[in-house]
PDB file of N, CA and C in Angstrom:
ATOM      1  N   UNK A   1     -15.890  -5.335 -20.506  1.00  0.00           N
ATOM      2  CA  UNK A   1     -16.476  -4.736 -19.629  1.00  0.00           C
ATOM      3  C   UNK A   1     -15.256  -4.145 -18.498  1.00  0.00           C
ATOM      4  N   UNK A   2     -15.366  -2.927 -17.829  1.00  0.00           N
ATOM      5  CA  UNK A   2     -14.449  -2.242 -17.265  1.00  0.00           C
ATOM      6  C   UNK A   2     -14.930  -2.575 -15.493  1.00  0.00           C
ATOM      7  N   UNK A   3     -13.581  -2.972 -15.132  1.00  0.00           N
ATOM      8  CA  UNK A   3     -13.908  -2.912 -13.538  1.00  0.00           C
ATOM      9  C   UNK A   3     -14.143  -1.736 -12.898  1.00  0.00           C
ATOM     10  N   UNK A   4     -14.930  -2.084 -11.689  1.00  0.00           N
ATOM     11  CA  UNK A   4     -15.073  -0.744 -11.288  1.00  0.00           C
ATOM     12  C   UNK A   4     -13.867  -0.545 -10.184  1.00  0.00           C
ATOM     13  N   UNK A   5     -14.006   0.917 -10.284  1.00  0.00           N
ATOM     14  CA  UNK A   5     -12.454   1.730  -9.809  1.00  0.00           C
ATOM     15  C   UNK A   5     -12.290   1.231  -8.203  1.00  0.00           C
ATOM     16  N   UNK A   6     -12.984   0.364  -7.302  1.00  0.00           N
ATOM     17  CA  UNK A   6     -12.374  -0.407  -6.107  1.00  0.00           C
ATOM     18  C   UNK A   6     -11.926  -1.573  -6.497  1.00  0.00           C
ATOM     19  N   UNK A   7     -12.299  -2.250  -7.172  1.00  0.00           N
ATOM     20  CA  UNK A   7     -12.035  -3.563  -7.715  1.00  0.00           C
ATOM     21  C   UNK A   7     -10.564  -3.159  -8.555  1.00  0.00           C
ATOM     22  N   UNK A   8     -10.339  -2.521  -9.189  1.00  0.00           N
ATOM     23  CA  UNK A   8      -9.401  -1.912 -10.222  1.00  0.00           C
ATOM     24  C   UNK A   8      -8.190  -1.788  -9.270  1.00  0.00           C
ATOM     25  N   UNK A   9      -8.622  -0.842  -8.030  1.00  0.00           N
ATOM     26  CA  UNK A   9      -7.671  -0.341  -7.075  1.00  0.00           C
ATOM     27  C   UNK A   9      -7.116  -1.931  -6.545  1.00  0.00           C
ATOM     28  N   UNK A  10      -8.019  -2.740  -6.040  1.00  0.00           N
ATOM     29  CA  UNK A  10      -7.546  -3.984  -5.189  1.00  0.00           C
ATOM     30  C   UNK A  10      -6.450  -4.475  -6.085  1.00  0.00           C
ATOM     31  N   UNK A  11      -6.795  -4.553  -7.569  1.00  0.00           N
ATOM     32  CA  UNK A  11      -6.054  -5.811  -8.550  1.00  0.00           C
ATOM     33  C   UNK A  11      -4.837  -5.127  -8.432  1.00  0.00           C
ATOM     34  N   UNK A  12      -4.762  -3.872  -8.589  1.00  0.00           N
ATOM     35  CA  UNK A  12      -3.233  -3.113  -8.668  1.00  0.00           C
ATOM     36  C   UNK A  12      -2.506  -3.421  -7.288  1.00  0.00           C
ATOM     37  N   UNK A  13      -3.423  -3.426  -6.135  1.00  0.00           N
ATOM     38  CA  UNK A  13      -2.635  -3.595  -5.041  1.00  0.00           C
ATOM     39  C   UNK A  13      -2.240  -5.284  -5.137  1.00  0.00           C
ATOM     40  N   UNK A  14      -2.901  -5.697  -5.723  1.00  0.00           N
ATOM     41  CA  UNK A  14      -2.846  -7.545  -5.711  1.00  0.00           C
ATOM     42  C   UNK A  14      -1.411  -7.867  -6.486  1.00  0.00           C
ATOM     43  N   UNK A  15      -1.393  -7.143  -7.774  1.00  0.00           N
ATOM     44  CA  UNK A  15      -0.133  -6.800  -8.399  1.00  0.00           C
ATOM     45  C   UNK A  15       0.946  -6.450  -8.012  1.00  0.00           C
ATOM     46  N   UNK A  16       1.037  -5.508  -7.276  1.00  0.00           N
ATOM     47  CA  UNK A  16       2.369  -4.931  -6.636  1.00  0.00           C
ATOM     48  C   UNK A  16       2.629  -5.818  -5.600  1.00  0.00           C
ATOM     49  N   UNK A  17       1.725  -6.329  -4.640  1.00  0.00           N
ATOM     50  CA  UNK A  17       2.656  -7.255  -3.683  1.00  0.00           C
ATOM     51  C   UNK A  17       3.014  -8.189  -4.174  1.00  0.00           C
ATOM     52  N   UNK A  18       2.352  -8.728  -5.314  1.00  0.00           N
ATOM     53  CA  UNK A  18       2.950 -10.459  -6.105  1.00  0.00           C
ATOM     54  C   UNK A  18       4.463  -9.602  -6.892  1.00  0.00           C
ATOM     55  N   UNK A  19       4.547  -8.280  -7.031  1.00  0.00           N
ATOM     56  CA  UNK A  19       5.650  -7.991  -7.989  1.00  0.00           C
ATOM     57  C   UNK A  19       6.778  -8.106  -6.589  1.00  0.00           C
ATOM     58  N   UNK A  20       6.431  -7.038  -5.469  1.00  0.00           N
ATOM     59  CA  UNK A  20       7.325  -7.406  -4.341  1.00  0.00           C
ATOM     60  C   UNK A  20       7.777  -8.447  -4.109  1.00  0.00           C
ATOM     61  N   UNK A  21       6.788  -9.779  -3.555  1.00  0.00           N
ATOM     62  CA  UNK A  21       7.052 -11.170  -3.281  1.00  0.00           C
ATOM     63  C   UNK A  21       8.066 -11.740  -4.457  1.00  0.00           C
ATOM     64  N   UNK A  22       7.467 -11.664  -5.669  1.00  0.00           N
ATOM     65  CA  UNK A  22       8.589 -12.453  -6.737  1.00  0.00           C
ATOM     66  C   UNK A  22       9.903 -11.770  -6.900  1.00  0.00           C
ATOM     67  N   UNK A  23      10.339 -10.691  -6.019  1.00  0.00           N
ATOM     68  CA  UNK A  23      11.288  -9.738  -6.432  1.00  0.00           C
ATOM     69  C   UNK A  23      11.353  -9.337  -7.849  1.00  0.00           C
ATOM     70  N   UNK A  24      10.269  -9.163  -8.467  1.00  0.00           N
ATOM     71  CA  UNK A  24      10.394  -8.153  -9.881  1.00  0.00           C
ATOM     72  C   UNK A  24      10.689  -7.030  -9.354  1.00  0.00           C
ATOM     73  N   UNK A  25      10.136  -6.573  -8.129  1.00  0.00           N
ATOM     74  CA  UNK A  25      10.299  -4.977  -8.067  1.00  0.00           C
ATOM     75  C   UNK A  25      10.655  -4.744  -6.579  1.00  0.00           C
ATOM     76  N   UNK A  26      11.740  -5.046  -6.336  1.00  0.00           N
ATOM     77  CA  UNK A  26      12.480  -5.320  -4.727  1.00  0.00           C
ATOM     78  C   UNK A  26      12.035  -3.400  -4.046  1.00  0.00           C
ATOM     79  N   UNK A  27      11.981  -3.617  -2.581  1.00  0.00           N
ATOM     80  CA  UNK A  27      11.874  -2.548  -1.971  1.00  0.00           C
ATOM     81  C   UNK A  27      13.230  -2.561  -1.559  1.00  0.00           C
ATOM     82  N   UNK A  28      13.718  -1.024  -1.205  1.00  0.00           N
ATOM     83  CA  UNK A  28      14.774  -0.465  -0.751  1.00  0.00           C
ATOM     84  C   UNK A  28      14.666   0.918  -0.613  1.00  0.00           C
ATOM     85  N   UNK A  29      15.331   1.414   0.210  1.00  0.00           N
ATOM     86  CA  UNK A  29      15.636   2.756   0.481  1.00  0.00           C
ATOM     87  C   UNK A  29      17.100   3.022   0.524  1.00  0.00           C
ATOM     88  N   UNK A  30      17.152   4.052   0.020  1.00  0.00           N
ATOM     89  CA  UNK A  30      18.410   4.544  -0.113  1.00  0.00           C
ATOM     90  C   UNK A  30      18.813   6.190   0.877  1.00  0.00           C
ATOM     91  N   UNK A  31      19.763   5.924   1.448  1.00  0.00           N
ATOM     92  CA  UNK A  31      19.982   7.105   2.266  1.00  0.00           C
ATOM     93  C   UNK A  31      21.526   7.256   2.255  1.00  0.00           C
ATOM     94  N   UNK A  32      21.676   8.699   1.567  1.00  0.00           N
ATOM     95  CA  UNK A  32      23.116   9.153   1.306  1.00  0.00           C
ATOM     96  C   UNK A  32      24.224   9.064   2.347  1.00  0.00           C
ATOM     97  N   UNK A  33      23.443   9.299   3.669  1.00  0.00           N
ATOM     98  CA  UNK A  33      24.235   9.851   4.830  1.00  0.00           C
ATOM     99  C   UNK A  33      24.154   8.589   5.887  1.00  0.00           C
ATOM    100  N   UNK A  34      23.867   7.291   5.251  1.00  0.00           N
ATOM    101  CA  UNK A  34      23.683   6.263   6.411  1.00  0.00           C
ATOM    102  C   UNK A  34      25.160   5.781   6.466  1.00  0.00           C
ATOM    103  N   UNK A  35      26.019   5.826   5.788  1.00  0.00           N
ATOM    104  CA  UNK A  35      27.165   5.410   5.889  1.00  0.00           C
ATOM    105  C   UNK A  35      28.352   5.904   4.835  1.00  0.00           C
ATOM    106  N   UNK A  36      29.686   5.189   4.316  1.00  0.00           N
ATOM    107  CA  UNK A  36      30.145   5.502   3.470  1.00  0.00           C
ATOM    108  C   UNK A  36      30.219   4.809   2.380  1.00  0.00           C
ATOM    109  N   UNK A  37      29.884   3.217   2.632  1.00  0.00           N
ATOM    110  CA  UNK A  37      29.455   2.304   1.549  1.00  0.00           C
ATOM    111  C   UNK A  37      28.186   2.248   0.951  1.00  0.00           C
ATOM    112  N   UNK A  38      28.204   1.814   0.031  1.00  0.00           N
ATOM    113  CA  UNK A  38      26.943   1.256  -0.831  1.00  0.00           C
ATOM    114  C   UNK A  38      25.831   0.456   0.177  1.00  0.00           C
ATOM    115  N   UNK A  39      26.570  -0.630   0.699  1.00  0.00           N
ATOM    116  CA  UNK A  39      26.074  -1.550   1.553  1.00  0.00           C
ATOM    117  C   UNK A  39      24.909  -0.625   2.825  1.00  0.00           C
ATOM    118  N   UNK A  40      25.869   0.031   3.350  1.00  0.00           N
ATOM    119  CA  UNK A  40      25.442   0.660   4.650  1.00  0.00           C
ATOM    120  C   UNK A  40      24.357   1.909   4.288  1.00  0.00           C
ATOM    121  N   UNK A  41      24.295   2.184   2.994  1.00  0.00           N
ATOM    122  CA  UNK A  41      23.377   3.272   2.689  1.00  0.00           C
ATOM    123  C   UNK A  41      22.080   3.114   1.934  1.00  0.00           C
ATOM    124  N   UNK A  42      21.963   1.192   1.383  1.00  0.00           N
ATOM    125  CA  UNK A  42      20.692   0.640   0.793  1.00  0.00           C
ATOM    126  C   UNK A  42      20.350  -0.092   2.270  1.00  0.00           C
ATOM    127  N   UNK A  43      19.042  -0.166   2.327  1.00  0.00           N
ATOM    128  CA  UNK A  43      18.170  -0.986   3.200  1.00  0.00           C
ATOM    129  C   UNK A  43      17.029  -1.284   2.598  1.00  0.00           C
ATOM    130  N   UNK A  44      17.095  -2.533   2.842  1.00  0.00           N
ATOM    131  CA  UNK A  44      16.133  -3.660   2.070  1.00  0.00           C
ATOM    132  C   UNK A  44      15.478  -4.442   3.047  1.00  0.00           C
ATOM    133  N   UNK A  45      15.181  -3.844   4.033  1.00  0.00           N
ATOM    134  CA  UNK A  45      14.420  -4.509   5.097  1.00  0.00           C
ATOM    135  C   UNK A  45      13.270  -4.893   4.883  1.00  0.00           C
ATOM    136  N   UNK A  46      12.288  -3.967   4.031  1.00  0.00           N
ATOM    137  CA  UNK A  46      11.279  -3.805   3.476  1.00  0.00           C
ATOM    138  C   UNK A  46      10.343  -4.710   2.759  1.00  0.00           C
ATOM    139  N   UNK A  47      11.203  -6.065   2.335  1.00  0.00           N
ATOM    140  CA  UNK A  47      10.928  -7.305   1.367  1.00  0.00           C
ATOM    141  C   UNK A  47      10.602  -8.095   2.014  1.00  0.00           C
ATOM    142  N   UNK A  48       9.490  -8.838   2.058  1.00  0.00           N
ATOM    143  CA  UNK A  48       9.218  -9.963   2.757  1.00  0.00           C
ATOM    144  C   UNK A  48      10.390 -11.237   2.443  1.00  0.00           C
ATOM    145  N   UNK A  49      10.646 -11.973   3.475  1.00  0.00           N
ATOM    146  CA  UNK A  49      11.749 -12.811   4.086  1.00  0.00           C
ATOM    147  C   UNK A  49      13.085 -12.231   3.062  1.00  0.00           C
ATOM    148  N   UNK A  50      13.767 -11.273   3.696  1.00  0.00           N
ATOM    149  CA  UNK A  50      14.725 -10.539   2.733  1.00  0.00           C
ATOM    150  C   UNK A  50      16.006 -11.223   3.203  1.00  0.00           C
ATOM    151  N   UNK A  51      15.786 -12.251   3.946  1.00  0.00           N
ATOM    152  CA  UNK A  51      17.111 -13.116   3.992  1.00  0.00           C
ATOM    153  C   UNK A  51      17.271 -14.571   3.091  1.00  0.00           C
ATOM    154  N   UNK A  52      16.049 -14.749   2.597  1.00  0.00           N
ATOM    155  CA  UNK A  52      15.576 -15.768   1.574  1.00  0.00           C
ATOM    156  C   UNK A  52      15.588 -15.385   0.358  1.00  0.00           C
ATOM    157  N   UNK A  53      16.342 -16.116  -0.728  1.00  0.00           N
ATOM    158  CA  UNK A  53      16.283 -15.982  -2.376  1.00  0.00           C
ATOM    159  C   UNK A  53      14.846 -15.356  -2.576  1.00  0.00           C
ATOM    160  N   UNK A  54      13.899 -16.544  -2.077  1.00  0.00           N
ATOM    161  CA  UNK A  54      12.395 -16.431  -2.508  1.00  0.00           C
ATOM    162  C   UNK A  54      11.797 -16.406  -1.116  1.00  0.00           C
ATOM    163  N   UNK A  55      10.471 -15.360  -1.088  1.00  0.00           N
ATOM    164  CA  UNK A  55      10.006 -15.616   0.151  1.00  0.00           C
ATOM    165  C   UNK A  55       8.819 -16.673   0.040  1.00  0.00           C
ATOM    166  N   UNK A  56       8.574 -17.190   1.490  1.00  0.00           N
ATOM    167  CA  UNK A  56       7.813 -18.289   1.517  1.00  0.00           C
ATOM    168  C   UNK A  56       6.448 -17.983   1.863  1.00  0.00           C
ATOM    169  N   UNK A  57       5.636 -18.598   1.176  1.00  0.00           N
ATOM    170  CA  UNK A  57       4.152 -18.495   1.543  1.00  0.00           C
ATOM    171  C   UNK A  57       3.169 -19.676   1.636  1.00  0.00           C
ATOM    172  N   UNK A  58       2.222 -19.785   2.792  1.00  0.00           N
ATOM    173  CA  UNK A  58       1.513 -20.635   3.126  1.00  0.00           C
ATOM    174  C   UNK A  58       0.479 -20.479   2.518  1.00  0.00           C
ATOM    175  N   UNK A  59      -0.218 -21.827   1.493  1.00  0.00           N
ATOM    176  CA  UNK A  59      -1.310 -21.147   1.059  1.00  0.00           C
ATOM    177  C   UNK A  59      -2.465 -22.957   1.769  1.00  0.00           C
ATOM    178  N   UNK A  60      -3.469 -22.406   1.845  1.00  0.00           N
ATOM    179  CA  UNK A  60      -4.262 -23.510   2.236  1.00  0.00           C
ATOM    180  C   UNK A  60      -5.366 -23.656   1.234  1.00  0.00           C
ATOM    181  N   UNK A  61      -5.667 -25.183   0.952  1.00  0.00           N
ATOM    182  CA  UNK A  61      -6.395 -25.340   0.169  1.00  0.00           C
ATOM    183  C   UNK A  61      -7.115 -26.618   0.650  1.00  0.00           C
ATOM    184  N   UNK A  62      -8.475 -26.961  -0.311  1.00  0.00           N
ATOM    185  CA  UNK A  62      -8.990 -28.133   0.029  1.00  0.00           C
ATOM    186  C   UNK A  62      -8.422 -29.338  -0.975  1.00  0.00           C
ATOM    187  N   UNK A  63      -8.790 -30.139  -0.719  1.00  0.00           N
ATOM    188  CA  UNK A  63      -8.278 -31.654  -1.378  1.00  0.00           C
ATOM    189  C   UNK A  63      -9.122 -32.707  -1.239  1.00  0.00           C
ATOM    190  N   UNK A  64      -9.922 -33.168  -2.222  1.00  0.00           N
ATOM    191  CA  UNK A  64     -11.136 -34.098  -1.478  1.00  0.00           C
ATOM    192  C   UNK A  64     -11.866 -33.591  -0.256  1.00  0.00           C
ATOM    193  N   UNK A  65     -12.294 -32.389  -0.176  1.00  0.00           N
ATOM    194  CA  UNK A  65     -12.917 -32.204   0.878  1.00  0.00           C
ATOM    195  C   UNK A  65     -12.150 -32.200   2.424  1.00  0.00           C
ATOM    196  N   UNK A  66     -10.884 -32.244   2.316  1.00  0.00           N
ATOM    197  CA  UNK A  66     -10.308 -32.006   3.315  1.00  0.00           C
ATOM    198  C   UNK A  66      -8.677 -30.718   3.175  1.00  0.00           C
ATOM    199  N   UNK A  67      -9.086 -29.766   4.401  1.00  0.00           N
ATOM    200  CA  UNK A  67      -8.417 -28.935   4.237  1.00  0.00           C
ATOM    201  C   UNK A  67      -6.817 -29.023   4.307  1.00  0.00           C
ATOM    202  N   UNK A  68      -5.948 -28.761   3.604  1.00  0.00           N
ATOM    203  CA  UNK A  68      -4.283 -28.897   3.330  1.00  0.00           C
ATOM    204  C   UNK A  68      -3.558 -27.616   3.749  1.00  0.00           C
ATOM    205  N   UNK A  69      -2.591 -27.368   3.866  1.00  0.00           N
ATOM    206  CA  UNK A  69      -1.309 -26.462   3.854  1.00  0.00           C
ATOM    207  C   UNK A  69      -0.319 -26.803   2.733  1.00  0.00           C
ATOM    208  N   UNK A  70       0.158 -25.770   2.098  1.00  0.00           N
ATOM    209  CA  UNK A  70       1.120 -26.129   1.409  1.00  0.00           C
ATOM    210  C   UNK A  70       2.077 -24.966   1.801  1.00  0.00           C
ATOM    211  N   UNK A  71       3.260 -25.207   1.689  1.00  0.00           N
ATOM    212  CA  UNK A  71       4.254 -24.244   2.195  1.00  0.00           C
ATOM    213  C   UNK A  71       5.124 -23.941   0.699  1.00  0.00           C
ATOM    214  N   UNK A  72       5.050 -22.697   0.179  1.00  0.00           N
ATOM    215  CA  UNK A  72       5.751 -22.912  -1.340  1.00  0.00           C
ATOM    216  C   UNK A  72       6.517 -21.509  -1.014  1.00  0.00           C
ATOM    217  N   UNK A  73       7.731 -21.498  -2.199  1.00  0.00           N
ATOM    218  CA  UNK A  73       8.201 -20.166  -2.419  1.00  0.00           C
ATOM    219  C   UNK A  73       7.805 -19.440  -3.283  1.00  0.00           C
ATOM    220  N   UNK A  74       7.265 -18.157  -3.367  1.00  0.00           N
ATOM    221  CA  UNK A  74       6.974 -17.153  -4.447  1.00  0.00           C
ATOM    222  C   UNK A  74       8.059 -16.658  -4.872  1.00  0.00           C
ATOM    223  N   UNK A  75       7.993 -16.924  -6.464  1.00  0.00           N
ATOM    224  CA  UNK A  75       9.227 -16.984  -7.261  1.00  0.00           C
ATOM    225  C   UNK A  75       8.659 -15.447  -8.453  1.00  0.00           C
ATOM    226  N   UNK A  76       9.448 -15.514  -8.935  1.00  0.00           N
ATOM    227  CA  UNK A  76       9.359 -14.517 -10.136  1.00  0.00           C
ATOM    228  C   UNK A  76       8.089 -14.660 -10.848  1.00  0.00           C
ATOM    229  N   UNK A  77       8.225 -16.071 -11.277  1.00  0.00           N
ATOM    230  CA  UNK A  77       7.299 -16.530 -12.075  1.00  0.00           C
ATOM    231  C   UNK A  77       5.665 -16.507 -11.829  1.00  0.00           C
ATOM    232  N   UNK A  78       5.754 -16.775 -10.174  1.00  0.00           N
ATOM    233  CA  UNK A  78       4.688 -16.998  -9.655  1.00  0.00           C
ATOM    234  C   UNK A  78       3.824 -15.298  -9.993  1.00  0.00           C
ATOM    235  N   UNK A  79       4.719 -14.428  -9.789  1.00  0.00           N
ATOM    236  CA  UNK A  79       4.239 -12.761 -10.164  1.00  0.00           C
ATOM    237  C   UNK A  79       3.876 -12.719 -11.605  1.00  0.00           C
ATOM    238  N   UNK A  80       4.721 -13.345 -12.469  1.00  0.00           N
ATOM    239  CA  UNK A  80       4.487 -12.941 -13.861  1.00  0.00           C
ATOM    240  C   UNK A  80       3.117 -13.534 -14.340  1.00  0.00           C
ATOM    241  N   UNK A  81       2.571 -14.923 -13.583  1.00  0.00           N
ATOM    242  CA  UNK A  81       1.280 -15.617 -13.743  1.00  0.00           C
ATOM    243  C   UNK A  81       0.631 -14.999 -13.542  1.00  0.00           C
ATOM    244  N   UNK A  82       0.157 -14.177 -12.872  1.00  0.00           N
ATOM    245  CA  UNK A  82      -0.770 -13.144 -12.657  1.00  0.00           C
ATOM    246  C   UNK A  82      -0.913 -11.989 -13.946  1.00  0.00           C
ATOM    247  N   UNK A  83       0.110 -12.092 -14.797  1.00  0.00           N
ATOM    248  CA  UNK A  83      -0.097 -11.196 -15.710  1.00  0.00           C
ATOM    249  C   UNK A  83      -0.754 -11.711 -16.897  1.00  0.00           C
ATOM    250  N   UNK A  84      -1.777 -11.212 -17.532  1.00  0.00           N
ATOM    251  CA  UNK A  84      -2.181 -12.334 -18.735  1.00  0.00           C
ATOM    252  C   UNK A  84      -1.589 -12.284 -19.889  1.00  0.00           C
ATOM    253  N   UNK A  85      -0.560 -11.314 -20.348  1.00  0.00           N
ATOM    254  CA  UNK A  85      -0.070 -11.133 -21.596  1.00  0.00           C
ATOM    255  C   UNK A  85       1.228 -12.138 -21.359  1.00  0.00           C
ATOM    256  N   UNK A  86       1.616 -12.776 -20.259  1.00  0.00           N
ATOM    257  CA  UNK A  86       2.396 -13.886 -20.347  1.00  0.00           C
ATOM    258  C   UNK A  86       1.918 -15.253 -19.903  1.00  0.00           C
ATOM    259  N   UNK A  87       0.743 -15.587 -19.926  1.00  0.00           N
ATOM    260  CA  UNK A  87       0.277 -16.519 -19.739  1.00  0.00           C
ATOM    261  C   UNK A  87       0.656 -17.791 -20.733  1.00  0.00           C
ATOM    262  N   UNK A  88       0.793 -17.542 -21.943  1.00  0.00           N
ATOM    263  CA  UNK A  88       1.204 -18.187 -22.815  1.00  0.00           C
ATOM    264  C   UNK A  88       2.464 -18.900 -22.599  1.00  0.00           C
ATOM    265  N   UNK A  89       3.172 -18.385 -21.588  1.00  0.00           N
ATOM    266  CA  UNK A  89       4.504 -19.014 -21.562  1.00  0.00           C
ATOM    267  C   UNK A  89       4.615 -19.586 -20.611  1.00  0.00           C
ATOM    268  N   UNK A  90       3.295 -20.060 -19.670  1.00  0.00           N
ATOM    269  CA  UNK A  90       3.625 -21.342 -18.527  1.00  0.00           C
ATOM    270  C   UNK A  90       2.693 -22.301 -18.755  1.00  0.00           C
ATOM    271  N   UNK A  91       3.108 -23.166 -18.187  1.00  0.00           N
ATOM    272  CA  UNK A  91       1.664 -24.667 -18.197  1.00  0.00           C
ATOM    273  C   UNK A  91       1.889 -25.087 -16.944  1.00  0.00           C
ATOM    274  N   UNK A  92       0.938 -25.112 -16.374  1.00  0.00           N
ATOM    275  CA  UNK A  92       0.764 -25.955 -14.943  1.00  0.00           C
ATOM    276  C   UNK A  92       0.623 -27.481 -15.306  1.00  0.00           C
ATOM    277  N   UNK A  93       1.437 -28.114 -14.563  1.00  0.00           N
ATOM    278  CA  UNK A  93       2.032 -29.917 -14.626  1.00  0.00           C
ATOM    279  C   UNK A  93       0.911 -30.452 -13.390  1.00  0.00           C
ATOM    280  N   UNK A  94      -0.013 -31.138 -14.007  1.00  0.00           N
ATOM    281  CA  UNK A  94      -0.817 -32.134 -13.336  1.00  0.00           C
ATOM    282  C   UNK A  94       0.253 -32.864 -12.240  1.00  0.00           C
ATOM    283  N   UNK A  95       0.288 -33.218 -11.071  1.00  0.00           N
ATOM    284  CA  UNK A  95       0.764 -34.265 -10.257  1.00  0.00           C
ATOM    285  C   UNK A  95       1.131 -35.417 -10.955  1.00  0.00           C
ATOM    286  N   UNK A  96      -0.151 -35.757 -11.811  1.00  0.00           N
ATOM    287  CA  UNK A  96       0.204 -37.401 -12.139  1.00  0.00           C
ATOM    288  C   UNK A  96       1.376 -37.252 -13.613  1.00  0.00           C
ATOM    289  N   UNK A  97       1.636 -35.892 -14.099  1.00  0.00           N
ATOM    290  CA  UNK A  97       2.596 -35.806 -14.673  1.00  0.00           C
ATOM    291  C   UNK A  97       4.205 -35.262 -14.565  1.00  0.00           C
ATOM    292  N   UNK A  98       4.030 -35.023 -13.063  1.00  0.00           N
ATOM    293  CA  UNK A  98       5.334 -34.608 -12.617  1.00  0.00           C
ATOM    294  C   UNK A  98       6.170 -35.936 -12.398  1.00  0.00           C
ATOM    295  N   UNK A  99       7.295 -35.355 -12.954  1.00  0.00           N
ATOM    296  CA  UNK A  99       8.623 -36.270 -13.098  1.00  0.00           C
ATOM    297  C   UNK A  99       9.916 -35.844 -12.214  1.00  0.00           C
ATOM    298  N   UNK A 100      10.293 -36.068 -11.095  1.00  0.00           N
ATOM    299  CA  UNK A 100      11.349 -35.761 -10.580  1.00  0.00           C
ATOM    300  C   UNK A 100      12.736 -35.732 -11.208  1.00  0.00           C
ATOM    301  N   UNK A 101      12.883 -36.333 -12.081  1.00  0.00           N
ATOM    302  CA  UNK A 101      13.733 -36.266 -12.799  1.00  0.00           C
ATOM    303  C   UNK A 101      13.832 -35.531 -14.055  1.00  0.00           C
ATOM    304  N   UNK A 102      12.744 -35.127 -14.510  1.00  0.00           N
ATOM    305  CA  UNK A 102      12.704 -34.164 -15.448  1.00  0.00           C
ATOM    306  C   UNK A 102      12.189 -32.717 -15.018  1.00  0.00           C
ATOM    307  N   UNK A 103      11.400 -32.720 -14.223  1.00  0.00           N
ATOM    308  CA  UNK A 103      11.189 -31.174 -13.777  1.00  0.00           C
ATOM    309  C   UNK A 103      11.588 -30.796 -11.985  1.00  0.00           C
ATOM    310  N   UNK A 104      11.742 -29.676 -12.019  1.00  0.00           N
ATOM    311  CA  UNK A 104      11.969 -29.126 -10.659  1.00  0.00           C
ATOM    312  C   UNK A 104      11.517 -28.108 -10.231  1.00  0.00           C
ATOM    313  N   UNK A 105      11.311 -27.603  -9.247  1.00  0.00           N
ATOM    314  CA  UNK A 105      10.503 -26.541  -8.840  1.00  0.00           C
ATOM    315  C   UNK A 105      11.008 -25.037  -9.124  1.00  0.00           C
ATOM    316  N   UNK A 106      10.529 -24.364  -9.560  1.00  0.00           N
ATOM    317  CA  UNK A 106      11.185 -22.998  -9.925  1.00  0.00           C
ATOM    318  C   UNK A 106      11.818 -22.020  -8.858  1.00  0.00           C
ATOM    319  N   UNK A 107      11.713 -22.391  -7.620  1.00  0.00           N
ATOM    320  CA  UNK A 107      12.356 -22.186  -6.524  1.00  0.00           C
ATOM    321  C   UNK A 107      13.461 -22.582  -6.140  1.00  0.00           C
ATOM    322  N   UNK A 108      14.158 -23.521  -7.000  1.00  0.00           N
ATOM    323  CA  UNK A 108      14.930 -24.487  -6.760  1.00  0.00           C
ATOM    324  C   UNK A 108      16.046 -23.806  -8.107  1.00  0.00           C
TER     325      UNK A 108
END
């Protein structure tokens, strides 16, 4: 089944935004006349949270009927998780199986 053009366009926008947030495709502008060094010539301000390693995202969700908010970093792995071709490389670890001695959040 093919997606209608409008839904396909929305999916491409979502994927592009995820790639930008996950630092897979950073946004930059290069202006050769902006200065004499590479650092002066590149502008990275179009990236979300450029001062952070990973941009933070607020996620609202329901847990047992109660609305909660989770602050989480959006990493490269989060962007890749949207690509069906890479899903076999990822696993969701349920909270009851999480062990701070063994696992670490990807953002760390």
